[in-house]
Amino acid sequence: MHLQRASSEPLMLPDPTSTWETYNVFNPAVIHHNGIFHMHYRAQGLDWISRIGYAVSEDGLHWNRMREPVLAPIDGTDSRGVEDPRVTEIDGVFYMCYTAYGREYSGAPTHDGGGIWPMIARSENLITWERMGPIVRGENNKDHVLFPRRINGRYVALHRRWPNVWIAYSDDLLTWREEDMAPLYGPRTDDPDAWDFKSVGSNGVPIETEHGWLLINHGYNEDHIYKFGVCLVDLDDPTRVVRRPKRAIFAPQELWELRGDVPNVVFSNANPVVDDVVYVYYGGGDHAIGLATCRLDELVDFALNG
């Protein structure tokens, strides 16, 4: 089981005529809504500060993007950039999970003398976003994503307390209590040859299937080569891992994935399902955006039997 690239070339490249997406466009969120693909992507321009742009597509391959970002830094908590969006629709409202990186922090610095905040924002039109707040404060925590519906009446999120993936519950998306969080799975430290021996994190929005929630994830080993895998968790109790195949399903291959601004990186925040096809959008080399696909039934079969 391997994801198949839609093309050996990127779907989207930086725009040298722009000031804010001059150098890199990568790590997009994509949802399919009202027959249109909607993309929110991370971009870096002349100041190297990440902003989030917006683009639309009818076929998921050819994109028209807005000239200005839809989310940009506003204060000290995100002064160094807003990064790696993941967008979920719940009850007709869109929620964006993104990482805010800034000079301000809670407690001790968590990242290069600054702070990172696993933030959530909401929107009703995918363009105007209202910041709601972070899932946690004062720790190195990111790769967070919301499940696409409430489970047992509560909102559910995955987040990463390095090097593990955690699960968290909330009644209102504003309050995330420590007692409502628990580790879900971690690196395969018992196998030094495993592709995810050192670190794991979540990719896009969990996919609901009759066999459970299908999670596409990423990880790397001592070689620091990012790859994708899958994990299946219980529908009613997503704290329970049903199955987690050992083999990876995607790895850097093309030159723009192997090199780029950061080498040996494929990183995905999006896996919408359209007409029973899983569209895995990803950043390659922290520089450009690509697409790989597979049939949903094949991916589920791999999760169950691979």
Protein backbone atom coordinates (compact mmCIF):
# COMPACT_ATOMS: atom_id res chain seq x y z
CA MET A 1 0.00 0.00 0.00
CA HIS A 2 1.49 3.30 -1.13
CA LEU A 3 -0.01 6.69 -1.88
CA GLN A 4 0.28 7.59 -5.56
CA ARG A 5 1.53 11.03 -6.53
CA ALA A 6 -0.82 12.98 -8.77
CA SER A 7 2.27 14.40 -10.47
CA SER A 8 6.02 14.32 -10.10
CA GLU A 9 5.88 18.12 -10.03
CA PRO A 10 4.42 20.37 -7.31
CA LEU A 11 0.83 21.58 -7.55
CA MET A 12 1.77 24.96 -6.14
CA LEU A 13 5.02 26.90 -5.98
CA PRO A 14 6.02 30.16 -4.28
CA ASP A 15 5.09 33.39 -6.03
CA PRO A 16 8.21 35.52 -6.63
CA THR A 17 6.02 38.56 -7.35
CA SER A 18 4.55 38.45 -3.85
CA THR A 19 6.12 39.83 -0.70
CA TRP A 20 4.56 37.29 1.71
CA GLU A 21 4.77 34.01 -0.28
CA THR A 22 8.04 34.67 -2.09
CA TYR A 23 10.13 31.75 -0.90
CA ASN A 24 7.96 28.87 0.35
CA VAL A 25 4.37 27.61 0.18
CA PHE A 26 3.75 24.38 2.06
CA ASN A 27 1.84 22.30 4.64
CA PRO A 28 -1.71 23.10 3.48
CA ALA A 29 -5.09 22.32 5.00
CA VAL A 30 -7.71 21.34 2.39
CA ILE A 31 -11.41 20.64 2.78
CA HIS A 32 -14.07 19.90 0.16
CA HIS A 33 -17.15 22.06 0.73
CA ASN A 34 -20.09 22.81 -1.60
CA GLY A 35 -18.34 21.05 -4.47
CA ILE A 36 -15.16 23.13 -4.18
CA PHE A 37 -11.73 22.36 -2.76
CA HIS A 38 -10.65 25.02 -0.28
CA MET A 39 -6.97 25.28 0.67
CA HIS A 40 -5.30 27.14 3.51
CA TYR A 41 -1.55 27.00 3.17
CA ARG A 42 1.51 28.21 5.04
CA ALA A 43 3.68 30.71 3.19
CA GLN A 44 6.96 32.50 3.84
CA GLY A 45 7.98 35.72 2.14
CA LEU A 46 10.65 38.37 2.26
CA ASP A 47 10.58 38.64 6.07
CA TRP A 48 10.55 34.82 6.54
CA ILE A 49 7.49 35.12 8.79
CA SER A 50 4.82 32.49 8.11
CA ARG A 51 1.34 33.58 7.09
CA ILE A 52 -1.65 31.55 5.92
CA GLY A 53 -2.99 31.97 2.40
CA TYR A 54 -6.22 30.79 0.81
CA ALA A 55 -6.91 29.17 -2.57
CA VAL A 56 -9.80 27.39 -4.28
CA SER A 57 -10.05 24.68 -6.93
CA GLU A 58 -12.78 22.82 -8.79
CA ASP A 59 -10.71 19.70 -9.46
CA GLY A 60 -8.24 19.71 -6.57
CA LEU A 61 -5.34 20.14 -9.00
CA HIS A 62 -5.50 23.67 -10.40
CA TRP A 63 -5.72 26.46 -7.86
CA ASN A 64 -6.67 30.13 -7.77
CA ARG A 65 -5.24 31.90 -4.74
CA MET A 66 -6.08 35.16 -3.03
CA ARG A 67 -3.50 37.90 -3.30
CA GLU A 68 -3.42 38.54 0.47
CA PRO A 69 -3.18 36.12 3.41
CA VAL A 70 -6.27 35.30 5.46
CA LEU A 71 -4.36 34.83 8.73
CA ALA A 72 -1.25 36.75 9.77
CA PRO A 73 0.52 37.67 13.02
CA ILE A 74 -1.19 40.26 15.19
CA ASP A 75 0.70 40.31 18.53
CA GLY A 76 3.61 38.94 20.49
CA THR A 77 2.21 35.42 20.71
CA ASP A 78 2.44 34.93 16.93
CA SER A 79 4.95 37.62 15.91
CA ARG A 80 7.27 35.01 14.36
CA GLY A 81 4.56 33.34 12.32
CA VAL A 82 1.29 31.40 12.06
CA GLU A 83 2.00 27.90 10.83
CA ASP A 84 0.65 24.53 9.62
CA PRO A 85 -3.15 24.96 9.48
CA ARG A 86 -5.60 22.06 9.80
CA VAL A 87 -9.24 22.94 9.04
CA THR A 88 -12.26 20.97 10.27
CA GLU A 89 -15.96 21.64 9.71
CA ILE A 90 -18.15 20.88 12.72
CA ASP A 91 -21.89 21.61 12.73
CA GLY A 92 -21.57 24.12 9.89
CA VAL A 93 -18.69 26.09 11.43
CA PHE A 94 -15.08 25.90 10.28
CA TYR A 95 -12.31 25.56 12.83
CA MET A 96 -8.63 26.04 12.08
CA CYS A 97 -5.97 24.49 14.26
CA TYR A 98 -2.65 26.25 13.71
CA THR A 99 0.62 26.88 15.50
CA ALA A 100 1.38 30.41 16.66
CA TYR A 101 5.08 31.12 17.05
CA GLY A 102 6.02 34.32 18.83
CA ARG A 103 8.38 36.21 21.06
CA GLU A 104 5.93 35.95 23.98
CA TYR A 105 5.54 32.73 25.91
CA SER A 106 3.95 31.27 29.02
CA GLY A 107 6.35 29.93 31.64
CA ALA A 108 9.76 29.13 30.14
CA PRO A 109 10.68 29.59 26.46
CA THR A 110 9.69 26.54 24.45
CA HIS A 111 11.28 27.21 21.07
CA ASP A 112 14.40 29.20 20.17
CA GLY A 113 13.85 31.77 22.89
CA GLY A 114 10.17 32.22 22.07
CA GLY A 115 6.92 30.37 22.52
CA ILE A 116 4.66 28.12 20.48
CA TRP A 117 0.93 28.01 21.02
CA PRO A 118 -1.39 25.31 19.60
CA MET A 119 -4.18 27.70 18.62
CA ILE A 120 -7.77 27.31 17.39
CA ALA A 121 -9.65 29.88 15.27
CA ARG A 122 -13.22 29.80 13.91
CA SER A 123 -14.85 31.02 10.71
CA GLU A 124 -18.17 30.87 8.92
CA ASN A 125 -16.81 31.73 5.47
CA LEU A 126 -13.25 30.25 5.42
CA ILE A 127 -11.77 33.73 4.89
CA THR A 128 -12.43 35.73 8.07
CA TRP A 129 -11.02 33.99 11.16
CA GLU A 130 -11.65 34.70 14.84
CA ARG A 131 -8.98 33.50 17.26
CA MET A 132 -10.35 31.40 20.13
CA GLY A 133 -7.26 30.41 22.10
CA PRO A 134 -4.75 27.58 22.63
CA ILE A 135 -5.29 23.98 23.66
CA VAL A 136 -2.38 24.18 26.11
CA ARG A 137 0.08 26.84 27.24
CA GLY A 138 3.74 26.85 28.13
CA GLU A 139 4.93 23.69 26.41
CA ASN A 140 6.28 22.43 23.09
CA ASN A 141 2.95 21.30 21.67
CA LYS A 142 1.70 21.35 18.07
CA ASP A 143 0.37 19.03 15.30
CA HIS A 144 -3.12 19.48 16.75
CA VAL A 145 -6.28 18.68 14.80
CA LEU A 146 -9.99 18.41 15.63
CA PHE A 147 -12.21 15.41 14.92
CA PRO A 148 -15.00 16.36 12.46
CA ARG A 149 -17.84 15.79 14.92
CA ARG A 150 -18.46 15.61 18.63
CA ILE A 151 -18.02 12.22 20.24
CA ASN A 152 -20.31 11.45 23.18
CA GLY A 153 -21.29 15.11 23.17
CA ARG A 154 -17.75 16.49 23.43
CA TYR A 155 -15.21 18.01 21.06
CA VAL A 156 -12.12 15.88 20.55
CA ALA A 157 -8.64 16.87 19.42
CA LEU A 158 -5.33 15.20 18.79
CA HIS A 159 -2.19 17.09 19.78
CA ARG A 160 1.50 16.31 20.14
CA ARG A 161 3.47 16.31 23.32
CA TRP A 162 6.76 15.37 21.77
CA PRO A 163 7.42 12.64 20.86
CA ASN A 164 3.90 11.25 21.43
CA VAL A 165 0.39 11.88 20.08
CA TRP A 166 -2.15 12.75 22.76
CA ILE A 167 -5.94 12.98 22.73
CA ALA A 168 -7.96 15.71 24.47
CA TYR A 169 -11.63 16.48 25.14
CA SER A 170 -13.44 19.80 25.58
CA ASP A 171 -17.01 20.93 26.08
CA ASP A 172 -16.62 24.29 24.32
CA LEU A 173 -13.25 24.36 22.45
CA LEU A 174 -12.09 27.02 24.91
CA THR A 175 -11.34 24.98 28.02
CA TRP A 176 -9.05 21.96 27.70
CA ARG A 177 -8.48 20.41 31.13
CA GLU A 178 -5.41 18.32 31.84
CA GLU A 179 -7.58 15.58 33.35
CA ASP A 180 -9.34 15.28 29.96
CA MET A 181 -6.08 14.51 28.13
CA ALA A 182 -4.26 11.20 27.70
CA PRO A 183 -1.44 9.76 25.57
CA LEU A 184 -2.70 7.85 22.52
CA TYR A 185 0.41 6.38 20.88
CA GLY A 186 4.09 7.12 20.48
CA PRO A 187 7.19 6.24 18.48
CA ARG A 188 8.04 2.57 18.03
CA THR A 189 11.07 2.75 20.31
CA ASP A 190 11.25 -1.05 20.56
CA ASP A 191 12.33 -1.23 16.90
CA PRO A 192 15.38 0.89 15.96
CA ASP A 193 14.69 0.19 12.28
CA ALA A 194 11.13 1.51 12.41
CA TRP A 195 10.39 4.53 10.18
CA ASP A 196 8.73 6.22 13.20
CA PHE A 197 11.31 5.20 15.81
CA LYS A 198 11.99 8.73 17.09
CA SER A 199 8.85 10.89 16.71
CA VAL A 200 5.21 10.79 15.57
CA GLY A 201 2.55 13.41 14.90
CA SER A 202 -0.90 13.77 13.38
CA ASN A 203 -1.62 14.74 9.78
CA GLY A 204 -5.09 15.79 8.61
CA VAL A 205 -8.62 15.53 9.97
CA PRO A 206 -9.52 12.01 11.19
CA ILE A 207 -11.58 10.08 8.62
CA GLU A 208 -14.72 8.38 9.93
CA THR A 209 -15.23 4.81 8.66
CA GLU A 210 -17.41 1.92 9.80
CA HIS A 211 -14.29 0.26 11.23
CA GLY A 212 -13.15 3.26 13.25
CA TRP A 213 -11.46 6.64 12.91
CA LEU A 214 -8.72 6.42 10.31
CA LEU A 215 -5.74 8.61 11.22
CA ILE A 216 -2.97 9.38 8.76
CA ASN A 217 0.16 10.34 10.65
CA HIS A 218 3.81 11.23 10.14
CA GLY A 219 7.02 10.28 11.86
CA TYR A 220 10.73 9.92 11.47
CA ASN A 221 13.66 7.90 12.79
CA GLU A 222 17.29 8.77 13.52
CA ASP A 223 17.78 9.68 9.83
CA HIS A 224 15.13 12.40 10.22
CA ILE A 225 13.36 11.37 7.00
CA TYR A 226 9.66 12.16 7.30
CA LYS A 227 7.21 9.44 6.23
CA PHE A 228 3.47 8.79 6.53
CA GLY A 229 1.63 5.90 8.14
CA VAL A 230 -1.86 5.10 9.41
CA CYS A 231 -3.54 4.30 12.70
CA LEU A 232 -7.12 3.14 13.40
CA VAL A 233 -8.87 4.11 16.64
CA ASP A 234 -12.29 3.16 18.01
CA LEU A 235 -15.30 5.18 16.79
CA ASP A 236 -16.96 5.58 20.19
CA ASP A 237 -13.80 5.56 22.28
CA PRO A 238 -10.96 7.10 20.25
CA THR A 239 -8.59 6.68 23.20
CA ARG A 240 -8.44 3.01 22.14
CA VAL A 241 -6.08 2.12 19.28
CA VAL A 242 -7.61 -0.65 17.15
CA ARG A 243 -4.66 -1.22 14.85
CA ARG A 244 -1.48 0.48 13.70
CA PRO A 245 0.35 -1.10 10.75
CA LYS A 246 4.14 -1.03 10.88
CA ARG A 247 4.83 -0.08 7.27
CA ALA A 248 4.90 3.48 5.98
CA ILE A 249 2.69 4.48 3.03
CA PHE A 250 4.58 7.54 1.73
CA ALA A 251 8.12 8.92 1.80
CA PRO A 252 10.19 11.64 0.08
CA GLN A 253 11.10 10.67 -3.46
CA GLU A 254 11.07 13.63 -5.83
CA LEU A 255 13.98 16.07 -5.88
CA TRP A 256 11.83 18.91 -4.50
CA GLU A 257 10.92 16.66 -1.53
CA LEU A 258 14.44 15.41 -0.91
CA ARG A 259 15.97 18.88 -0.98
CA GLY A 260 14.05 22.15 -0.66
CA ASP A 261 14.26 24.54 2.29
CA VAL A 262 14.33 21.58 4.71
CA PRO A 263 15.52 18.29 3.15
CA ASN A 264 13.81 14.88 3.31
CA VAL A 265 10.42 16.23 4.36
CA VAL A 266 6.90 15.36 3.29
CA PHE A 267 4.42 16.88 5.73
CA SER A 268 0.64 16.73 5.42
CA ASN A 269 -2.17 18.56 7.20
CA ALA A 270 -4.96 17.45 4.85
CA ASN A 271 -6.62 14.24 3.72
CA PRO A 272 -10.16 15.04 2.52
CA VAL A 273 -12.20 12.21 1.00
CA VAL A 274 -14.03 13.02 -2.24
CA ASP A 275 -15.90 10.33 -4.20
CA ASP A 276 -14.19 7.60 -2.13
CA VAL A 277 -10.72 8.92 -2.98
CA VAL A 278 -8.40 10.19 -0.24
CA TYR A 279 -6.60 13.36 -1.32
CA VAL A 280 -3.40 13.73 0.72
CA TYR A 281 -2.02 17.22 0.20
CA TYR A 282 1.46 17.78 1.55
CA GLY A 283 4.40 20.12 1.71
CA GLY A 284 7.62 18.89 0.10
CA GLY A 285 10.96 20.07 1.44
CA ASP A 286 9.13 22.90 3.27
CA HIS A 287 9.06 24.62 -0.11
CA ALA A 288 6.20 23.52 -2.39
CA ILE A 289 2.84 21.72 -2.30
CA GLY A 290 2.11 18.29 -3.75
CA LEU A 291 -0.73 15.78 -3.86
CA ALA A 292 -0.88 12.01 -3.46
CA THR A 293 -4.04 9.89 -3.51
CA CYS A 294 -5.46 6.44 -2.87
CA ARG A 295 -8.85 4.80 -2.67
CA LEU A 296 -10.45 4.95 0.76
CA ASP A 297 -11.34 1.25 0.76
CA GLU A 298 -7.70 0.32 0.03
CA LEU A 299 -6.46 2.50 2.86
CA VAL A 300 -8.99 1.03 5.29
CA ASP A 301 -8.03 -2.48 4.23
CA PHE A 302 -4.37 -1.65 4.87
CA ALA A 303 -5.22 -0.22 8.29
CA LEU A 304 -7.04 -3.44 9.17
CA ASN A 305 -4.74 -5.99 7.57
CA GLY A 306 -1.45 -4.33 6.56
